[in-house]
Amino acid sequence: MTHSTTVLAVRRGSEVAIGADGQVTIGETVVKHDACKIRKLDSGKVLVGFAGSAADSFALLERFEGKLKEFKGNVPQAAVALAKEWRMDKVLRPLQSLLLVADRKDTFLLSGTGDVIEPTDGLVGIGSGGQYAAAAARALLEHTTLSAEEIVREALRITSRICIYTNAEIKVEVLK
């Protein structure tokens, strides 16, 4: 389990949002409060969030961006290609990270074990607070009319009050 962050993706209607807290933890110590763990790729058409080792996450982020270019912005193909490479390449295999990727149509969770998981409801959380955030977001999605962005912000705020590895310095990126 990754003890360092919380990243959450929520899809509602034609809007998808990925958000993350800003805390960076080494062991039991907070070393940074305002890290940015989400990026826009492919001229702002694709969102990526990451949890795990920063160096590993950035290496995988660069590889995913390369796959997006190779497959001309096709997120499902790029996700599968990266997962295959990550799983099979002996240099990439030990990288400790999880990626959430989303475009206007699809959301995927990618891991080094070859996982390319598309959540049924477009909602998924990763990192130490990922399950808390997903539970809060699921309740908000079912019982409110909040937008995807508002749900991500509120779920991460709730998580920051529960998970010691998550803070309330929240950044969110949205595709509408």
Foldseek 3Di string as FASTA:
>chain_A
DFQAWKWKWADDDQKIKIKIFAWGDDPLDTDTGHHGQKDAADVRQKIKGKTDDPVLSVVLVVQLNVLCVVVVNPNVRSQQVSLVCCQPPPVNLVRTMWMWMDGSPFIFIHDSNSGTDTDPRRIFMDHPLTVQLSVQLVCCSVPHPDHNVVSNLVSLCVSCVPRVNGHNNMDMDMDD
